[in-house]
Amino acid sequence: MSSRHHVTTTAVFFGAKNAARVMIPSCTGSIIAITSVCGIVGGLGTHAYTSSKHAVVGITKNVAAELGQFQIRMNCISPYLLPTLMAKELLDDDQISRVYHNMKGKSLQKQDVAEAALFLASDESRKEDDEGEEGGRGGGGSSSILRRPKKENPSSFILSMEKEEVLQIVMFPWLAMGHLIPFLYLSKCLAQKGHQISFVFTHTNLQRLPKIPTNVPPLITLIPLSFPQNENLPHQAESSMDIPFQKSQFLKIAFDSLESQLTQFLQTADPKPDWIIFDYASHWLPPLADKLGISRQ
């Protein structure tokens, strides 16, 4: 149980803590945690999983209350079961469509969660309750969004191409398919708005990505990183799906070793990134973004 809470709860706490450090001086920002319906409703998961997801909801409310004085928002998306690759290994499509979902005649899709995250990252979400938006997806993790300074600060929806310049956005998810796929869907949504995406991930995991549909503009560039060697991990293991749970700490060590490669990419990227959208495990990324001048708004 302690391992479960360390991954799904403590990580969100430290992710919000480090994001707040670079957002407070700017007096603006949006922190988004993705938890699970198990954080809202009882009886759907194990005691360890359910209690950890309830804890994320509580952290979200408390952080939002504390950071509201700095115009920083923290919101939480708590989805039902989704037809992800991981879910399809356990359930068929018919079972997924019948289990956990609460919308009559409509099953939750990955893009629904991505669009919810886009809204919560936008200035439009300032009109909502600061204590959090609890919607629908299964899984864990949190995403933080950082922006560099702009000449204008429009109050309209930030992804509207009519009122907002084209953004250079770097995506950097955690080493798990349950995180990779939502980041890819978010990338597609952003590309459809005309923004340029650099999707940074390890080489093997990039090869596992589903093909990007032809109706998505060719604005997503895949940036491969070399996976750091670690004698405690199986050969060619680059994702949580490749290892037993008890080796997760070694995957995190390897992930942290990607910092130097990502730093080099961010320093040489042309044009310079406007945003970095990163996952809960990148505790070292907010200070790095701040140092490179990407974190101010």
Protein backbone atom coordinates (compact mmCIF):
# COMPACT_ATOMS: atom_id res chain seq x y z
CA MET A 1 0.00 0.00 0.00
CA SER A 2 2.86 2.37 0.79
CA SER A 3 4.31 1.79 -2.71
CA ARG A 4 0.96 2.64 -4.30
CA HIS A 5 0.68 5.90 -2.37
CA HIS A 6 4.30 6.79 -3.13
CA VAL A 7 3.66 6.57 -6.88
CA THR A 8 0.15 7.98 -7.19
CA THR A 9 -0.05 10.45 -4.30
CA THR A 10 3.38 11.60 -3.15
CA ALA A 11 4.42 12.19 -6.77
CA VAL A 12 1.44 14.53 -7.33
CA PHE A 13 2.30 16.42 -4.14
CA PHE A 14 5.90 17.03 -5.17
CA GLY A 15 4.88 17.80 -8.77
CA ALA A 16 2.55 20.55 -7.56
CA LYS A 17 5.18 21.79 -5.10
CA ASN A 18 7.87 22.20 -7.76
CA ALA A 19 5.47 23.72 -10.30
CA ALA A 20 4.35 26.27 -7.71
CA ARG A 21 7.94 27.37 -7.10
CA VAL A 22 8.25 28.73 -10.63
CA MET A 23 4.64 29.94 -10.96
CA ILE A 24 4.40 32.01 -7.76
CA PRO A 25 6.86 34.73 -8.91
CA SER A 26 4.74 35.17 -12.07
CA CYS A 27 1.45 35.13 -10.14
CA THR A 28 -0.14 32.90 -12.76
CA GLY A 29 -0.30 29.25 -13.76
CA SER A 30 -2.41 26.11 -14.01
CA ILE A 31 -1.61 22.74 -12.43
CA ILE A 32 -3.69 19.77 -13.60
CA ALA A 33 -3.86 16.40 -11.86
CA ILE A 34 -5.40 13.38 -13.56
CA THR A 35 -6.70 10.88 -11.00
CA SER A 36 -9.59 8.40 -11.29
CA VAL A 37 -13.29 7.97 -10.64
CA CYS A 38 -12.11 5.87 -7.70
CA GLY A 39 -11.18 9.16 -6.05
CA ILE A 40 -14.87 10.17 -6.07
CA VAL A 41 -16.82 6.92 -5.78
CA GLY A 42 -16.19 3.96 -3.49
CA GLY A 43 -16.37 0.26 -4.36
CA LEU A 44 -14.68 0.41 -7.77
CA GLY A 45 -11.09 -0.44 -6.87
CA THR A 46 -8.80 -1.84 -4.20
CA HIS A 47 -8.46 -0.05 -0.87
CA ALA A 48 -4.90 1.04 -1.69
CA TYR A 49 -5.81 2.38 -5.14
CA THR A 50 -9.02 4.07 -3.99
CA SER A 51 -7.46 5.77 -0.98
CA SER A 52 -4.55 7.06 -3.08
CA LYS A 53 -6.96 8.58 -5.62
CA HIS A 54 -9.04 10.22 -2.88
CA ALA A 55 -5.79 11.67 -1.56
CA VAL A 56 -5.05 13.29 -4.94
CA VAL A 57 -8.47 14.98 -4.90
CA GLY A 58 -7.74 16.28 -1.41
CA ILE A 59 -4.31 17.56 -2.40
CA THR A 60 -5.87 19.34 -5.39
CA LYS A 61 -8.41 21.17 -3.22
CA ASN A 62 -5.85 22.14 -0.60
CA VAL A 63 -3.24 23.35 -3.10
CA ALA A 64 -5.89 25.34 -5.01
CA ALA A 65 -6.92 27.05 -1.75
CA GLU A 66 -3.31 27.89 -0.88
CA LEU A 67 -2.17 29.09 -4.32
CA GLY A 68 -5.32 31.03 -5.21
CA GLN A 69 -3.80 34.18 -3.70
CA PHE A 70 -1.13 33.99 -6.43
CA GLN A 71 -3.68 33.53 -9.24
CA ILE A 72 -2.51 29.91 -9.65
CA ARG A 73 -5.14 27.23 -10.26
CA MET A 74 -4.98 23.52 -9.51
CA ASN A 75 -7.69 21.28 -10.91
CA CYS A 76 -8.30 17.55 -10.95
CA ILE A 77 -9.81 15.32 -13.67
CA SER A 78 -11.29 12.10 -12.27
CA PRO A 79 -12.32 9.95 -15.24
CA TYR A 80 -14.12 6.67 -15.64
CA LEU A 81 -12.64 3.69 -17.50
CA LEU A 82 -11.24 4.41 -20.97
CA PRO A 83 -10.48 2.07 -23.91
CA THR A 84 -6.71 2.45 -23.55
CA LEU A 85 -4.20 -0.18 -24.64
CA MET A 86 -3.77 -1.24 -21.02
CA ALA A 87 -7.52 -1.56 -20.45
CA LYS A 88 -7.95 -3.62 -23.63
CA GLU A 89 -5.47 -6.14 -22.29
CA LEU A 90 -7.96 -6.88 -19.49
CA LEU A 91 -11.37 -6.20 -21.06
CA ASP A 92 -12.88 -6.37 -24.55
CA ASP A 93 -14.58 -3.38 -26.17
CA ASP A 94 -18.05 -4.47 -25.08
CA GLN A 95 -16.98 -4.84 -21.45
CA ILE A 96 -15.24 -1.45 -21.51
CA SER A 97 -18.37 0.22 -22.89
CA ARG A 98 -20.50 -1.26 -20.08
CA VAL A 99 -18.21 -0.93 -17.07
CA TYR A 100 -17.81 2.20 -14.93
CA HIS A 101 -19.25 4.71 -17.40
CA ASN A 102 -22.05 7.02 -16.33
CA MET A 103 -23.09 8.82 -19.54
CA LYS A 104 -26.21 7.30 -21.10
CA GLY A 105 -25.66 6.46 -24.75
CA LYS A 106 -22.07 7.70 -24.82
CA SER A 107 -18.80 6.11 -23.76
CA LEU A 108 -15.91 8.23 -22.54
CA GLN A 109 -13.05 8.64 -25.04
CA LYS A 110 -9.41 9.68 -24.62
CA GLN A 111 -10.03 12.90 -26.52
CA ASP A 112 -12.68 13.90 -23.97
CA VAL A 113 -10.02 13.88 -21.26
CA ALA A 114 -7.55 15.75 -23.47
CA GLU A 115 -10.13 18.45 -24.19
CA ALA A 116 -10.91 18.75 -20.47
CA ALA A 117 -7.20 19.27 -19.78
CA LEU A 118 -7.00 21.90 -22.54
CA PHE A 119 -9.91 23.77 -21.01
CA LEU A 120 -8.40 23.66 -17.52
CA ALA A 121 -5.11 24.99 -18.90
CA SER A 122 -6.90 27.91 -20.56
CA ASP A 123 -7.84 31.28 -19.14
CA GLU A 124 -11.51 30.34 -19.59
CA SER A 125 -11.23 27.91 -16.68
CA ARG A 126 -10.65 30.86 -14.33
CA LYS A 127 -14.41 31.27 -14.30
CA GLU A 128 -14.84 27.82 -12.74
CA ASP A 129 -14.59 26.84 -9.08
CA ASP A 130 -10.94 27.01 -8.01
CA GLU A 131 -11.30 23.83 -5.97
CA GLY A 132 -11.22 21.63 -9.04
CA GLU A 133 -12.97 20.11 -12.01
CA GLU A 134 -13.78 16.45 -11.41
CA GLY A 135 -14.54 14.73 -14.70
CA GLY A 136 -13.80 11.31 -16.15
CA ARG A 137 -10.78 9.05 -16.84
CA GLY A 138 -8.97 6.16 -15.19
CA GLY A 139 -5.28 6.19 -14.35
CA GLY A 140 -2.88 8.40 -12.47
CA GLY A 141 -0.42 11.23 -12.91
CA SER A 142 -0.48 14.98 -13.22
CA SER A 143 0.48 17.47 -15.88
CA SER A 144 1.91 20.95 -15.41
CA ILE A 145 2.04 23.65 -18.08
CA LEU A 146 4.67 26.37 -18.24
CA ARG A 147 4.84 29.31 -20.66
CA ARG A 148 7.49 31.88 -21.46
CA PRO A 149 6.72 35.64 -21.56
CA LYS A 150 4.41 37.06 -24.19
CA LYS A 151 3.83 40.64 -25.27
CA GLU A 152 0.10 40.23 -24.77
CA ASN A 153 -1.96 38.49 -22.13
CA PRO A 154 -5.39 37.87 -23.70
CA SER A 155 -8.21 36.71 -21.44
CA SER A 156 -9.85 34.66 -24.20
CA PHE A 157 -9.40 30.91 -24.65
CA ILE A 158 -5.67 30.44 -25.05
CA LEU A 159 -5.88 27.89 -27.82
CA SER A 160 -8.02 30.04 -30.13
CA MET A 161 -6.01 30.63 -33.28
CA GLU A 162 -7.97 33.79 -34.03
CA LYS A 163 -6.64 35.60 -30.93
CA GLU A 164 -3.46 33.73 -30.01
CA GLU A 165 -0.15 33.28 -31.82
CA VAL A 166 1.08 29.85 -32.87
CA LEU A 167 2.79 28.16 -29.92
CA GLN A 168 5.91 25.98 -29.90
CA ILE A 169 5.05 23.23 -27.41
CA VAL A 170 7.28 20.47 -26.00
CA MET A 171 5.58 17.32 -24.65
CA PHE A 172 7.49 15.17 -22.14
CA PRO A 173 5.45 12.31 -20.60
CA TRP A 174 6.40 9.65 -18.05
CA LEU A 175 7.65 6.23 -19.21
CA ALA A 176 4.28 4.47 -19.27
CA MET A 177 1.77 3.81 -22.05
CA GLY A 178 -1.05 5.04 -19.78
CA HIS A 179 0.68 8.43 -19.79
CA LEU A 180 2.11 8.37 -23.31
CA ILE A 181 -1.25 7.89 -25.07
CA PRO A 182 -3.08 10.80 -23.32
CA PHE A 183 -0.09 13.06 -24.08
CA LEU A 184 -0.32 12.02 -27.74
CA TYR A 185 -4.05 12.81 -27.85
CA LEU A 186 -3.41 16.19 -26.27
CA SER A 187 -0.72 16.77 -28.92
CA LYS A 188 -3.23 15.99 -31.68
CA CYS A 189 -5.74 18.45 -30.20
CA LEU A 190 -3.09 21.17 -30.06
CA ALA A 191 -1.88 20.43 -33.59
CA GLN A 192 -5.44 20.71 -34.88
CA LYS A 193 -5.44 24.23 -33.43
CA GLY A 194 -2.34 25.00 -35.49
CA HIS A 195 0.32 24.74 -32.79
CA GLN A 196 3.73 23.14 -33.39
CA ILE A 197 4.45 20.10 -31.17
CA SER A 198 7.81 18.53 -30.28
CA PHE A 199 6.99 15.14 -28.72
CA VAL A 200 10.08 14.12 -26.74
CA PHE A 201 10.36 10.50 -25.65
CA THR A 202 12.70 7.52 -25.75
CA HIS A 203 13.32 5.83 -29.10
CA THR A 204 11.64 2.47 -28.39
CA ASN A 205 8.57 4.07 -26.86
CA LEU A 206 8.16 6.39 -29.84
CA GLN A 207 7.99 3.30 -32.05
CA ARG A 208 5.08 2.06 -29.95
CA LEU A 209 2.99 5.14 -30.71
CA PRO A 210 -0.15 4.58 -32.78
CA LYS A 211 -0.07 6.21 -36.18
CA ILE A 212 -1.16 9.84 -36.23
CA PRO A 213 -4.38 10.18 -38.31
CA THR A 214 -4.12 11.88 -41.67
CA ASN A 215 -6.68 14.49 -40.61
CA VAL A 216 -4.21 15.87 -38.04
CA PRO A 217 -1.98 18.63 -39.48
CA PRO A 218 1.69 17.59 -39.91
CA LEU A 219 2.75 19.71 -36.94
CA ILE A 220 3.87 16.94 -34.55
CA THR A 221 7.62 16.20 -34.59
CA LEU A 222 8.87 13.12 -32.73
CA ILE A 223 12.12 13.78 -30.87
CA PRO A 224 13.86 10.51 -29.82
CA LEU A 225 16.07 10.30 -26.74
CA SER A 226 18.51 7.48 -25.98
CA PHE A 227 17.36 5.43 -23.02
CA PRO A 228 20.03 5.44 -20.28
CA GLN A 229 21.53 2.03 -19.49
CA ASN A 230 20.63 0.61 -16.08
CA GLU A 231 21.88 -2.79 -14.97
CA ASN A 232 18.83 -3.24 -12.73
CA LEU A 233 16.40 -3.13 -15.66
CA PRO A 234 15.73 -5.88 -18.24
CA HIS A 235 17.28 -5.46 -21.68
CA GLN A 236 15.32 -2.96 -23.85
CA ALA A 237 12.94 -2.15 -20.99
CA GLU A 238 11.89 1.48 -21.51
CA SER A 239 8.40 1.55 -20.05
CA SER A 240 6.49 0.48 -16.95
CA MET A 241 4.86 -2.24 -19.06
CA ASP A 242 8.29 -3.85 -19.57
CA ILE A 243 9.14 -4.32 -15.89
CA PRO A 244 7.66 -5.77 -12.68
CA PHE A 245 6.30 -3.22 -10.22
CA GLN A 246 9.15 -3.77 -7.74
CA LYS A 247 11.63 -2.39 -10.29
CA SER A 248 9.77 0.91 -10.75
CA GLN A 249 12.37 2.85 -8.78
CA PHE A 250 15.06 1.86 -11.30
CA LEU A 251 12.87 3.09 -14.16
CA LYS A 252 12.54 6.42 -12.32
CA ILE A 253 16.36 6.60 -11.97
CA ALA A 254 16.73 6.03 -15.71
CA PHE A 255 14.04 8.63 -16.41
CA ASP A 256 15.87 11.24 -14.33
CA SER A 257 18.99 10.52 -16.36
CA LEU A 258 17.19 11.91 -19.42
CA GLU A 259 17.59 15.42 -17.98
CA SER A 260 20.87 16.14 -19.80
CA GLN A 261 19.48 15.10 -23.20
CA LEU A 262 16.30 17.12 -22.72
CA THR A 263 18.32 20.12 -21.55
CA GLN A 264 20.41 19.99 -24.73
CA PHE A 265 17.29 19.82 -26.88
CA LEU A 266 15.65 22.78 -25.09
CA GLN A 267 18.81 24.87 -25.34
CA THR A 268 19.19 24.30 -29.09
CA ALA A 269 15.53 24.23 -30.13
CA ASP A 270 14.76 26.80 -32.80
CA PRO A 271 12.31 28.42 -32.45
CA LYS A 272 12.44 28.45 -28.66
CA PRO A 273 9.61 26.56 -26.90
CA ASP A 274 6.71 28.59 -25.51
CA TRP A 275 5.31 25.78 -23.39
CA ILE A 276 6.58 22.59 -21.79
CA ILE A 277 3.84 20.12 -20.88
CA PHE A 278 5.37 17.51 -18.60
CA ASP A 279 4.36 14.65 -16.36
CA TYR A 280 4.37 14.21 -12.59
CA ALA A 281 7.78 12.47 -12.42
CA SER A 282 9.81 15.38 -13.87
CA HIS A 283 10.48 17.15 -10.58
CA TRP A 284 13.68 18.61 -12.03
CA LEU A 285 11.98 20.16 -15.07
CA PRO A 286 10.36 23.32 -13.54
CA PRO A 287 13.73 24.70 -12.31
CA LEU A 288 15.27 23.85 -15.68
CA ALA A 289 12.47 25.58 -17.60
CA ASP A 290 12.79 28.59 -15.31
CA LYS A 291 16.53 28.76 -15.95
CA LEU A 292 15.97 28.66 -19.72
CA GLY A 293 13.31 31.38 -19.55
CA ILE A 294 10.42 29.14 -20.61
CA SER A 295 8.47 29.31 -17.35
CA ARG A 296 7.42 32.97 -17.24
CA GLN A 297 4.12 34.33 -18.56
